[in-house]
Amino acid sequence: AVLLLLRSVVPAAMLVPDLAGEYVWGWAEKAEQEERQAALAYL
């Protein structure tokens, strides 16, 4: 049988700049990429 291993990624929220030049809570693209790379290595 096929065994599908699912790893969910929920990057830690952090203050990131928006278009208005202010900082809001969100997921930085770099943080998400790092989480994905770590998850891939784990799987």
PDB file of all heavy atoms in Angstrom:
ATOM      1  N   ALA A   1       0.824  -1.200   0.000  1.00  0.00           N
ATOM      2  CA  ALA A   1       0.000   0.000   0.000  1.00  0.00           C
ATOM      3  C   ALA A   1       0.865   1.259   0.000  1.00  0.00           C
ATOM      4  O   ALA A   1       2.052   1.236   0.342  1.00  0.00           O
ATOM      5  CB  ALA A   1      -0.919   0.006   1.219  1.00  0.00           C
ATOM      6  N   VAL A   2       0.244   2.359  -0.394  1.00  0.00           N
ATOM      7  CA  VAL A   2       0.909   3.663  -0.375  1.00  0.00           C
ATOM      8  C   VAL A   2       0.773   4.260   1.019  1.00  0.00           C
ATOM      9  O   VAL A   2      -0.329   4.303   1.589  1.00  0.00           O
ATOM     10  CB  VAL A   2       0.288   4.620  -1.410  1.00  0.00           C
ATOM     11  CG1 VAL A   2       0.879   6.025  -1.261  1.00  0.00           C
ATOM     12  CG2 VAL A   2       0.508   4.090  -2.816  1.00  0.00           C
ATOM     13  N   LEU A   3       1.890   4.710   1.561  1.00  0.00           N
ATOM     14  CA  LEU A   3       1.901   5.354   2.864  1.00  0.00           C
ATOM     15  C   LEU A   3       2.262   6.823   2.639  1.00  0.00           C
ATOM     16  O   LEU A   3       3.401   7.157   2.313  1.00  0.00           O
ATOM     17  CB  LEU A   3       2.927   4.680   3.775  1.00  0.00           C
ATOM     18  CG  LEU A   3       2.726   4.805   5.278  1.00  0.00           C
ATOM     19  CD1 LEU A   3       1.419   4.165   5.698  1.00  0.00           C
ATOM     20  CD2 LEU A   3       3.880   4.160   6.018  1.00  0.00           C
ATOM     21  N   LEU A   4       1.279   7.697   2.790  1.00  0.00           N
ATOM     22  CA  LEU A   4       1.487   9.128   2.548  1.00  0.00           C
ATOM     23  C   LEU A   4       1.784   9.823   3.872  1.00  0.00           C
ATOM     24  O   LEU A   4       0.934   9.889   4.763  1.00  0.00           O
ATOM     25  CB  LEU A   4       0.243   9.734   1.892  1.00  0.00           C
ATOM     26  CG  LEU A   4       0.288  11.229   1.576  1.00  0.00           C
ATOM     27  CD1 LEU A   4       1.474  11.555   0.658  1.00  0.00           C
ATOM     28  CD2 LEU A   4      -1.018  11.684   0.942  1.00  0.00           C
ATOM     29  N   LEU A   5       2.997  10.333   4.000  1.00  0.00           N
ATOM     30  CA  LEU A   5       3.423  11.033   5.213  1.00  0.00           C
ATOM     31  C   LEU A   5       3.161  12.521   5.031  1.00  0.00           C
ATOM     32  O   LEU A   5       3.728  13.155   4.134  1.00  0.00           O
ATOM     33  CB  LEU A   5       4.905  10.787   5.479  1.00  0.00           C
ATOM     34  CG  LEU A   5       5.365   9.324   5.445  1.00  0.00           C
ATOM     35  CD1 LEU A   5       6.872   9.239   5.681  1.00  0.00           C
ATOM     36  CD2 LEU A   5       4.605   8.494   6.476  1.00  0.00           C
ATOM     37  N   LEU A   6       2.304  13.080   5.864  1.00  0.00           N
ATOM     38  CA  LEU A   6       1.929  14.486   5.747  1.00  0.00           C
ATOM     39  C   LEU A   6       2.583  15.298   6.856  1.00  0.00           C
ATOM     40  O   LEU A   6       2.381  15.026   8.040  1.00  0.00           O
ATOM     41  CB  LEU A   6       0.408  14.632   5.832  1.00  0.00           C
ATOM     42  CG  LEU A   6      -0.128  16.071   5.833  1.00  0.00           C
ATOM     43  CD1 LEU A   6       0.181  16.759   4.509  1.00  0.00           C
ATOM     44  CD2 LEU A   6      -1.627  16.084   6.110  1.00  0.00           C
ATOM     45  N   ARG A   7       3.351  16.284   6.446  1.00  0.00           N
ATOM     46  CA  ARG A   7       4.000  17.194   7.407  1.00  0.00           C
ATOM     47  C   ARG A   7       3.439  18.583   7.170  1.00  0.00           C
ATOM     48  O   ARG A   7       3.644  19.187   6.116  1.00  0.00           O
ATOM     49  CB  ARG A   7       5.514  17.179   7.201  1.00  0.00           C
ATOM     50  CG  ARG A   7       6.290  18.096   8.142  1.00  0.00           C
ATOM     51  CD  ARG A   7       6.324  17.525   9.551  1.00  0.00           C
ATOM     52  NE  ARG A   7       7.385  18.138  10.325  1.00  0.00           N
ATOM     53  CZ  ARG A   7       7.248  19.265  11.043  1.00  0.00           C
ATOM     54  NH1 ARG A   7       6.091  19.886  11.064  1.00  0.00           N
ATOM     55  NH2 ARG A   7       8.272  19.738  11.725  1.00  0.00           N
ATOM     56  N   SER A   8       2.689  19.073   8.146  1.00  0.00           N
ATOM     57  CA  SER A   8       2.141  20.423   8.028  1.00  0.00           C
ATOM     58  C   SER A   8       3.149  21.442   8.539  1.00  0.00           C
ATOM     59  O   SER A   8       3.894  21.183   9.488  1.00  0.00           O
ATOM     60  CB  SER A   8       0.841  20.540   8.814  1.00  0.00           C
ATOM     61  OG  SER A   8       1.068  20.280  10.187  1.00  0.00           O
ATOM     62  N   VAL A   9       3.177  22.565   7.886  1.00  0.00           N
ATOM     63  CA  VAL A   9       4.108  23.637   8.240  1.00  0.00           C
ATOM     64  C   VAL A   9       3.304  24.855   8.664  1.00  0.00           C
ATOM     65  O   VAL A   9       2.458  25.344   7.914  1.00  0.00           O
ATOM     66  CB  VAL A   9       5.022  23.996   7.056  1.00  0.00           C
ATOM     67  CG1 VAL A   9       5.881  25.206   7.400  1.00  0.00           C
ATOM     68  CG2 VAL A   9       5.892  22.808   6.676  1.00  0.00           C
ATOM     69  N   VAL A  10       3.561  25.318   9.866  1.00  0.00           N
ATOM     70  CA  VAL A  10       2.921  26.538  10.360  1.00  0.00           C
ATOM     71  C   VAL A  10       4.028  27.463  10.842  1.00  0.00           C
ATOM     72  O   VAL A  10       4.433  27.418  12.001  1.00  0.00           O
ATOM     73  CB  VAL A  10       1.936  26.235  11.509  1.00  0.00           C
ATOM     74  CG1 VAL A  10       1.219  27.510  11.943  1.00  0.00           C
ATOM     75  CG2 VAL A  10       0.940  25.172  11.093  1.00  0.00           C
ATOM     76  N   PRO A  11       4.582  28.308   9.946  1.00  0.00           N
ATOM     77  CA  PRO A  11       5.684  29.196  10.319  1.00  0.00           C
ATOM     78  C   PRO A  11       5.298  30.115  11.462  1.00  0.00           C
ATOM     79  O   PRO A  11       4.136  30.534  11.575  1.00  0.00           O
ATOM     80  CB  PRO A  11       5.944  29.989   9.039  1.00  0.00           C
ATOM     81  CG  PRO A  11       5.355  29.167   7.948  1.00  0.00           C
ATOM     82  CD  PRO A  11       4.177  28.484   8.559  1.00  0.00           C
ATOM     83  N   ALA A  12       6.259  30.411  12.308  1.00  0.00           N
ATOM     84  CA  ALA A  12       6.004  31.312  13.421  1.00  0.00           C
ATOM     85  C   ALA A  12       5.701  32.708  12.897  1.00  0.00           C
ATOM     86  O   ALA A  12       6.374  33.211  11.987  1.00  0.00           O
ATOM     87  CB  ALA A  12       7.213  31.348  14.352  1.00  0.00           C
ATOM     88  N   ALA A  13       4.659  33.321  13.446  1.00  0.00           N
ATOM     89  CA  ALA A  13       4.309  34.675  13.023  1.00  0.00           C
ATOM     90  C   ALA A  13       5.356  35.660  13.533  1.00  0.00           C
ATOM     91  O   ALA A  13       5.907  35.508  14.618  1.00  0.00           O
ATOM     92  CB  ALA A  13       2.928  35.038  13.560  1.00  0.00           C
ATOM     93  N   MET A  14       5.628  36.692  12.719  1.00  0.00           N
ATOM     94  CA  MET A  14       6.601  37.717  13.096  1.00  0.00           C
ATOM     95  C   MET A  14       6.205  39.040  12.474  1.00  0.00           C
ATOM     96  O   MET A  14       5.355  39.108  11.587  1.00  0.00           O
ATOM     97  CB  MET A  14       8.004  37.305  12.632  1.00  0.00           C
ATOM     98  CG  MET A  14       8.137  37.133  11.135  1.00  0.00           C
ATOM     99  SD  MET A  14       9.780  36.549  10.661  1.00  0.00           S
ATOM    100  CE  MET A  14       9.810  34.944  11.425  1.00  0.00           C
ATOM    101  N   LEU A  15       6.785  40.098  12.979  1.00  0.00           N
ATOM    102  CA  LEU A  15       6.501  41.415  12.429  1.00  0.00           C
ATOM    103  C   LEU A  15       7.219  41.588  11.098  1.00  0.00           C
ATOM    104  O   LEU A  15       8.441  41.442  11.016  1.00  0.00           O
ATOM    105  CB  LEU A  15       6.944  42.508  13.413  1.00  0.00           C
ATOM    106  CG  LEU A  15       6.074  42.679  14.664  1.00  0.00           C
ATOM    107  CD1 LEU A  15       6.730  43.629  15.657  1.00  0.00           C
ATOM    108  CD2 LEU A  15       4.688  43.189  14.275  1.00  0.00           C
ATOM    109  N   VAL A  16       6.454  41.865  10.046  1.00  0.00           N
ATOM    110  CA  VAL A  16       7.018  42.061   8.718  1.00  0.00           C
ATOM    111  C   VAL A  16       6.483  43.371   8.146  1.00  0.00           C
ATOM    112  O   VAL A  16       5.353  43.786   8.446  1.00  0.00           O
ATOM    113  CB  VAL A  16       6.654  40.891   7.778  1.00  0.00           C
ATOM    114  CG1 VAL A  16       7.278  39.606   8.274  1.00  0.00           C
ATOM    115  CG2 VAL A  16       5.149  40.728   7.670  1.00  0.00           C
ATOM    116  N   PRO A  17       7.273  44.058   7.321  1.00  0.00           N
ATOM    117  CA  PRO A  17       6.820  45.333   6.758  1.00  0.00           C
ATOM    118  C   PRO A  17       5.749  45.127   5.693  1.00  0.00           C
ATOM    119  O   PRO A  17       5.804  44.175   4.923  1.00  0.00           O
ATOM    120  CB  PRO A  17       8.100  45.906   6.148  1.00  0.00           C
ATOM    121  CG  PRO A  17       8.960  44.721   5.880  1.00  0.00           C
ATOM    122  CD  PRO A  17       8.644  43.730   6.947  1.00  0.00           C
ATOM    123  N   ASP A  18       4.733  46.026   5.671  1.00  0.00           N
ATOM    124  CA  ASP A  18       3.732  45.965   4.622  1.00  0.00           C
ATOM    125  C   ASP A  18       3.984  47.081   3.609  1.00  0.00           C
ATOM    126  O   ASP A  18       4.985  47.802   3.684  1.00  0.00           O
ATOM    127  CB  ASP A  18       2.319  46.060   5.196  1.00  0.00           C
ATOM    128  CG  ASP A  18       2.049  47.413   5.883  1.00  0.00           C
ATOM    129  OD1 ASP A  18       2.944  48.294   5.827  1.00  0.00           O
ATOM    130  OD2 ASP A  18       0.960  47.570   6.452  1.00  0.00           O
ATOM    131  N   LEU A  19       3.082  47.236   2.647  1.00  0.00           N
ATOM    132  CA  LEU A  19       3.280  48.213   1.570  1.00  0.00           C
ATOM    133  C   LEU A  19       3.274  49.642   2.090  1.00  0.00           C
ATOM    134  O   LEU A  19       3.874  50.540   1.473  1.00  0.00           O
ATOM    135  CB  LEU A  19       2.175  48.039   0.516  1.00  0.00           C
ATOM    136  CG  LEU A  19       2.199  46.705  -0.240  1.00  0.00           C
ATOM    137  CD1 LEU A  19       1.026  46.633  -1.214  1.00  0.00           C
ATOM    138  CD2 LEU A  19       3.514  46.527  -0.986  1.00  0.00           C
ATOM    139  N   ALA A  20       2.616  49.877   3.191  1.00  0.00           N
ATOM    140  CA  ALA A  20       2.551  51.237   3.745  1.00  0.00           C
ATOM    141  C   ALA A  20       3.776  51.594   4.565  1.00  0.00           C
ATOM    142  O   ALA A  20       3.869  52.689   5.113  1.00  0.00           O
ATOM    143  CB  ALA A  20       1.293  51.370   4.595  1.00  0.00           C
ATOM    144  N   GLY A  21       4.697  50.672   4.670  1.00  0.00           N
ATOM    145  CA  GLY A  21       5.900  50.931   5.434  1.00  0.00           C
ATOM    146  C   GLY A  21       5.772  50.624   6.910  1.00  0.00           C
ATOM    147  O   GLY A  21       6.715  50.840   7.676  1.00  0.00           O
ATOM    148  N   GLU A  22       4.595  50.118   7.317  1.00  0.00           N
ATOM    149  CA  GLU A  22       4.398  49.760   8.717  1.00  0.00           C
ATOM    150  C   GLU A  22       4.647  48.269   8.907  1.00  0.00           C
ATOM    151  O   GLU A  22       4.746  47.519   7.941  1.00  0.00           O
ATOM    152  CB  GLU A  22       2.979  50.123   9.150  1.00  0.00           C
ATOM    153  CG  GLU A  22       2.670  51.610   9.038  1.00  0.00           C
ATOM    154  CD  GLU A  22       1.253  51.916   9.465  1.00  0.00           C
ATOM    155  OE1 GLU A  22       0.514  50.948   9.737  1.00  0.00           O
ATOM    156  OE2 GLU A  22       0.889  53.110   9.523  1.00  0.00           O
ATOM    157  N   TYR A  23       4.740  47.882  10.154  1.00  0.00           N
ATOM    158  CA  TYR A  23       4.986  46.479  10.456  1.00  0.00           C
ATOM    159  C   TYR A  23       3.694  45.814  10.933  1.00  0.00           C
ATOM    160  O   TYR A  23       2.963  46.356  11.763  1.00  0.00           O
ATOM    161  CB  TYR A  23       6.073  46.325  11.527  1.00  0.00           C
ATOM    162  CG  TYR A  23       7.466  46.530  10.971  1.00  0.00           C
ATOM    163  CD1 TYR A  23       7.998  47.817  10.846  1.00  0.00           C
ATOM    164  CD2 TYR A  23       8.233  45.445  10.562  1.00  0.00           C
ATOM    165  CE1 TYR A  23       9.274  48.013  10.323  1.00  0.00           C
ATOM    166  CE2 TYR A  23       9.509  45.621  10.039  1.00  0.00           C
ATOM    167  CZ  TYR A  23      10.017  46.901   9.922  1.00  0.00           C
ATOM    168  OH  TYR A  23      11.278  47.093   9.390  1.00  0.00           O
ATOM    169  N   VAL A  24       3.422  44.627  10.390  1.00  0.00           N
ATOM    170  CA  VAL A  24       2.242  43.854  10.781  1.00  0.00           C
ATOM    171  C   VAL A  24       2.676  42.420  11.058  1.00  0.00           C
ATOM    172  O   VAL A  24       3.744  41.976  10.620  1.00  0.00           O
ATOM    173  CB  VAL A  24       1.173  43.867   9.662  1.00  0.00           C
ATOM    174  CG1 VAL A  24       0.662  45.277   9.419  1.00  0.00           C
ATOM    175  CG2 VAL A  24       1.731  43.273   8.375  1.00  0.00           C
ATOM    176  N   TRP A  25       1.825  41.687  11.778  1.00  0.00           N
ATOM    177  CA  TRP A  25       2.123  40.286  12.043  1.00  0.00           C
ATOM    178  C   TRP A  25       1.857  39.456  10.783  1.00  0.00           C
ATOM    179  O   TRP A  25       0.823  39.584  10.154  1.00  0.00           O
ATOM    180  CB  TRP A  25       1.272  39.758  13.197  1.00  0.00           C
ATOM    181  CG  TRP A  25       1.711  40.272  14.543  1.00  0.00           C
ATOM    182  CD1 TRP A  25       1.123  41.249  15.275  1.00  0.00           C
ATOM    183  CD2 TRP A  25       2.851  39.831  15.281  1.00  0.00           C
ATOM    184  NE1 TRP A  25       1.819  41.467  16.440  1.00  0.00           N
ATOM    185  CE2 TRP A  25       2.884  40.600  16.481  1.00  0.00           C
ATOM    186  CE3 TRP A  25       3.843  38.874  15.065  1.00  0.00           C
ATOM    187  CZ2 TRP A  25       3.864  40.432  17.441  1.00  0.00           C
ATOM    188  CZ3 TRP A  25       4.822  38.708  16.032  1.00  0.00           C
ATOM    189  CH2 TRP A  25       4.830  39.477  17.201  1.00  0.00           C
ATOM    190  N   GLY A  26       2.793  38.607  10.435  1.00  0.00           N
ATOM    191  CA  GLY A  26       2.638  37.771   9.248  1.00  0.00           C
ATOM    192  C   GLY A  26       3.727  36.734   9.165  1.00  0.00           C
ATOM    193  O   GLY A  26       4.548  36.591  10.070  1.00  0.00           O
ATOM    194  N   TRP A  27       3.748  36.008   8.071  1.00  0.00           N
ATOM    195  CA  TRP A  27       4.756  34.983   7.840  1.00  0.00           C
ATOM    196  C   TRP A  27       5.762  35.504   6.832  1.00  0.00           C
ATOM    197  O   TRP A  27       5.421  35.750   5.673  1.00  0.00           O
ATOM    198  CB  TRP A  27       4.124  33.705   7.289  1.00  0.00           C
ATOM    199  CG  TRP A  27       3.192  33.025   8.228  1.00  0.00           C
ATOM    200  CD1 TRP A  27       2.979  33.318   9.532  1.00  0.00           C
ATOM    201  CD2 TRP A  27       2.336  31.932   7.909  1.00  0.00           C
ATOM    202  NE1 TRP A  27       2.043  32.479  10.064  1.00  0.00           N
ATOM    203  CE2 TRP A  27       1.627  31.610   9.093  1.00  0.00           C
ATOM    204  CE3 TRP A  27       2.095  31.185   6.755  1.00  0.00           C
ATOM    205  CZ2 TRP A  27       0.709  30.590   9.154  1.00  0.00           C
ATOM    206  CZ3 TRP A  27       1.174  30.163   6.821  1.00  0.00           C
ATOM    207  CH2 TRP A  27       0.496  29.867   8.008  1.00  0.00           C
ATOM    208  N   ALA A  28       6.971  35.663   7.280  1.00  0.00           N
ATOM    209  CA  ALA A  28       8.011  36.103   6.360  1.00  0.00           C
ATOM    210  C   ALA A  28       8.314  34.988   5.361  1.00  0.00           C
ATOM    211  O   ALA A  28       8.327  33.811   5.715  1.00  0.00           O
ATOM    212  CB  ALA A  28       9.276  36.475   7.135  1.00  0.00           C
ATOM    213  N   GLU A  29       8.529  35.347   4.107  1.00  0.00           N
ATOM    214  CA  GLU A  29       8.776  34.341   3.073  1.00  0.00           C
ATOM    215  C   GLU A  29       9.998  33.502   3.406  1.00  0.00           C
ATOM    216  O   GLU A  29      10.014  32.291   3.207  1.00  0.00           O
ATOM    217  CB  GLU A  29       8.962  35.032   1.732  1.00  0.00           C
ATOM    218  CG  GLU A  29       9.170  34.056   0.575  1.00  0.00           C
ATOM    219  CD  GLU A  29       9.288  34.763  -0.759  1.00  0.00           C
ATOM    220  OE1 GLU A  29       9.012  35.968  -0.811  1.00  0.00           O
ATOM    221  OE2 GLU A  29       9.660  34.095  -1.731  1.00  0.00           O
ATOM    222  N   LYS A  30      11.016  34.122   3.946  1.00  0.00           N
ATOM    223  CA  LYS A  30      12.232  33.394   4.300  1.00  0.00           C
ATOM    224  C   LYS A  30      11.949  32.362   5.391  1.00  0.00           C
ATOM    225  O   LYS A  30      12.439  31.225   5.334  1.00  0.00           O
ATOM    226  CB  LYS A  30      13.314  34.363   4.769  1.00  0.00           C
ATOM    227  CG  LYS A  30      14.631  33.683   5.121  1.00  0.00           C
ATOM    228  CD  LYS A  30      15.680  34.688   5.557  1.00  0.00           C
ATOM    229  CE  LYS A  30      16.988  33.984   5.912  1.00  0.00           C
ATOM    230  NZ  LYS A  30      18.024  34.945   6.362  1.00  0.00           N
ATOM    231  N   ALA A  31      11.120  32.751   6.383  1.00  0.00           N
ATOM    232  CA  ALA A  31      10.798  31.826   7.467  1.00  0.00           C
ATOM    233  C   ALA A  31      10.045  30.617   6.935  1.00  0.00           C
ATOM    234  O   ALA A  31      10.291  29.482   7.344  1.00  0.00           O
ATOM    235  CB  ALA A  31       9.962  32.540   8.528  1.00  0.00           C
ATOM    236  N   GLU A  32       9.123  30.846   5.990  1.00  0.00           N
ATOM    237  CA  GLU A  32       8.370  29.739   5.418  1.00  0.00           C
ATOM    238  C   GLU A  32       9.279  28.808   4.628  1.00  0.00           C
ATOM    239  O   GLU A  32       9.150  27.580   4.713  1.00  0.00           O
ATOM    240  CB  GLU A  32       7.252  30.267   4.515  1.00  0.00           C
ATOM    241  CG  GLU A  32       6.407  29.146   3.927  1.00  0.00           C
ATOM    242  CD  GLU A  32       5.256  29.667   3.087  1.00  0.00           C
ATOM    243  OE1 GLU A  32       4.791  30.790   3.351  1.00  0.00           O
ATOM    244  OE2 GLU A  32       4.826  28.934   2.167  1.00  0.00           O
ATOM    245  N   GLN A  33      10.202  29.366   3.885  1.00  0.00           N
ATOM    246  CA  GLN A  33      11.134  28.539   3.126  1.00  0.00           C
ATOM    247  C   GLN A  33      11.992  27.685   4.051  1.00  0.00           C
ATOM    248  O   GLN A  33      12.241  26.505   3.779  1.00  0.00           O
ATOM    249  CB  GLN A  33      12.015  29.427   2.247  1.00  0.00           C
ATOM    250  CG  GLN A  33      11.272  30.111   1.108  1.00  0.00           C
ATOM    251  CD  GLN A  33      12.158  31.058   0.326  1.00  0.00           C
ATOM    252  OE1 GLN A  33      13.280  31.366   0.741  1.00  0.00           O
ATOM    253  NE2 GLN A  33      11.666  31.523  -0.815  1.00  0.00           N
ATOM    254  N   GLU A  34      12.436  28.279   5.142  1.00  0.00           N
ATOM    255  CA  GLU A  34      13.261  27.536   6.100  1.00  0.00           C
ATOM    256  C   GLU A  34      12.457  26.401   6.734  1.00  0.00           C
ATOM    257  O   GLU A  34      12.976  25.295   6.927  1.00  0.00           O
ATOM    258  CB  GLU A  34      13.791  28.483   7.172  1.00  0.00           C
ATOM    259  CG  GLU A  34      14.829  29.472   6.647  1.00  0.00           C
ATOM    260  CD  GLU A  34      15.261  30.457   7.709  1.00  0.00           C
ATOM    261  OE1 GLU A  34      14.609  30.504   8.774  1.00  0.00           O
ATOM    262  OE2 GLU A  34      16.240  31.186   7.472  1.00  0.00           O
ATOM    263  N   GLU A  35      11.192  26.683   7.060  1.00  0.00           N
ATOM    264  CA  GLU A  35      10.330  25.651   7.632  1.00  0.00           C
ATOM    265  C   GLU A  35      10.120  24.512   6.639  1.00  0.00           C
ATOM    266  O   GLU A  35      10.135  23.336   6.992  1.00  0.00           O
ATOM    267  CB  GLU A  35       8.980  26.251   8.035  1.00  0.00           C
ATOM    268  CG  GLU A  35       9.032  27.183   9.230  1.00  0.00           C
ATOM    269  CD  GLU A  35       9.145  26.431  10.533  1.00  0.00           C
ATOM    270  OE1 GLU A  35       8.990  25.189  10.519  1.00  0.00           O
ATOM    271  OE2 GLU A  35       9.390  27.062  11.567  1.00  0.00           O
ATOM    272  N   ARG A  36       9.933  24.857   5.376  1.00  0.00           N
ATOM    273  CA  ARG A  36       9.735  23.832   4.346  1.00  0.00           C
ATOM    274  C   ARG A  36      10.983  22.974   4.179  1.00  0.00           C
ATOM    275  O   ARG A  36      10.900  21.751   4.042  1.00  0.00           O
ATOM    276  CB  ARG A  36       9.380  24.491   3.011  1.00  0.00           C
ATOM    277  CG  ARG A  36       7.916  24.918   2.896  1.00  0.00           C
ATOM    278  CD  ARG A  36       7.645  25.464   1.500  1.00  0.00           C
ATOM    279  NE  ARG A  36       6.249  25.730   1.272  1.00  0.00           N
ATOM    280  CZ  ARG A  36       5.355  24.827   0.867  1.00  0.00           C
ATOM    281  NH1 ARG A  36       5.737  23.575   0.634  1.00  0.00           N
ATOM    282  NH2 ARG A  36       4.094  25.155   0.672  1.00  0.00           N
ATOM    283  N   GLN A  37      12.146  23.605   4.166  1.00  0.00           N
ATOM    284  CA  GLN A  37      13.393  22.858   4.007  1.00  0.00           C
ATOM    285  C   GLN A  37      13.619  21.909   5.181  1.00  0.00           C
ATOM    286  O   GLN A  37      14.027  20.754   4.996  1.00  0.00           O
ATOM    287  CB  GLN A  37      14.562  23.839   3.876  1.00  0.00           C
ATOM    288  CG  GLN A  37      14.557  24.625   2.564  1.00  0.00           C
ATOM    289  CD  GLN A  37      15.622  25.696   2.533  1.00  0.00           C
ATOM    290  OE1 GLN A  37      16.330  25.927   3.520  1.00  0.00           O
ATOM    291  NE2 GLN A  37      15.757  26.364   1.387  1.00  0.00           N
ATOM    292  N   ALA A  38      13.324  22.386   6.387  1.00  0.00           N
ATOM    293  CA  ALA A  38      13.474  21.533   7.570  1.00  0.00           C
ATOM    294  C   ALA A  38      12.487  20.365   7.521  1.00  0.00           C
ATOM    295  O   ALA A  38      12.829  19.229   7.859  1.00  0.00           O
ATOM    296  CB  ALA A  38      13.266  22.355   8.836  1.00  0.00           C
ATOM    297  N   ALA A  39      11.260  20.644   7.081  1.00  0.00           N
ATOM    298  CA  ALA A  39      10.240  19.600   6.983  1.00  0.00           C
ATOM    299  C   ALA A  39      10.619  18.568   5.929  1.00  0.00           C
ATOM    300  O   ALA A  39      10.417  17.363   6.123  1.00  0.00           O
ATOM    301  CB  ALA A  39       8.887  20.219   6.657  1.00  0.00           C
ATOM    302  N   LEU A  40      11.179  19.030   4.815  1.00  0.00           N
ATOM    303  CA  LEU A  40      11.598  18.123   3.749  1.00  0.00           C
ATOM    304  C   LEU A  40      12.709  17.197   4.228  1.00  0.00           C
ATOM    305  O   LEU A  40      12.682  15.981   3.978  1.00  0.00           O
ATOM    306  CB  LEU A  40      12.059  18.928   2.536  1.00  0.00           C
ATOM    307  CG  LEU A  40      12.557  18.118   1.337  1.00  0.00           C
ATOM    308  CD1 LEU A  40      11.453  17.210   0.817  1.00  0.00           C
ATOM    309  CD2 LEU A  40      13.073  19.044   0.233  1.00  0.00           C
ATOM    310  N   ALA A  41      13.686  17.754   4.927  1.00  0.00           N
ATOM    311  CA  ALA A  41      14.781  16.945   5.454  1.00  0.00           C
ATOM    312  C   ALA A  41      14.255  15.922   6.465  1.00  0.00           C
ATOM    313  O   ALA A  41      14.698  14.761   6.489  1.00  0.00           O
ATOM    314  CB  ALA A  41      15.821  17.844   6.111  1.00  0.00           C
ATOM    315  N   TYR A  42      13.289  16.335   7.268  1.00  0.00           N
ATOM    316  CA  TYR A  42      12.696  15.429   8.261  1.00  0.00           C
ATOM    317  C   TYR A  42      11.981  14.268   7.574  1.00  0.00           C
ATOM    318  O   TYR A  42      12.172  13.102   7.940  1.00  0.00           O
ATOM    319  CB  TYR A  42      11.721  16.216   9.134  1.00  0.00           C
ATOM    320  CG  TYR A  42      10.860  15.355  10.023  1.00  0.00           C
ATOM    321  CD1 TYR A  42      11.373  14.769  11.175  1.00  0.00           C
ATOM    322  CD2 TYR A  42       9.515  15.131   9.713  1.00  0.00           C
ATOM    323  CE1 TYR A  42      10.587  13.974  11.991  1.00  0.00           C
ATOM    324  CE2 TYR A  42       8.716  14.339  10.524  1.00  0.00           C
ATOM    325  CZ  TYR A  42       9.253  13.763  11.664  1.00  0.00           C
ATOM    326  OH  TYR A  42       8.473  12.979  12.458  1.00  0.00           O
ATOM    327  N   LEU A  43      11.171  14.558   6.566  1.00  0.00           N
ATOM    328  CA  LEU A  43      10.440  13.508   5.866  1.00  0.00           C
ATOM    329  C   LEU A  43      11.380  12.549   5.141  1.00  0.00           C
ATOM    330  O   LEU A  43      11.132  11.342   5.102  1.00  0.00           O
ATOM    331  CB  LEU A  43       9.450  14.118   4.875  1.00  0.00           C
ATOM    332  CG  LEU A  43       8.211  14.770   5.474  1.00  0.00           C
ATOM    333  CD1 LEU A  43       7.315  15.317   4.369  1.00  0.00           C
ATOM    334  CD2 LEU A  43       7.430  13.793   6.345  1.00  0.00           C
TER     335      LEU A  43
END
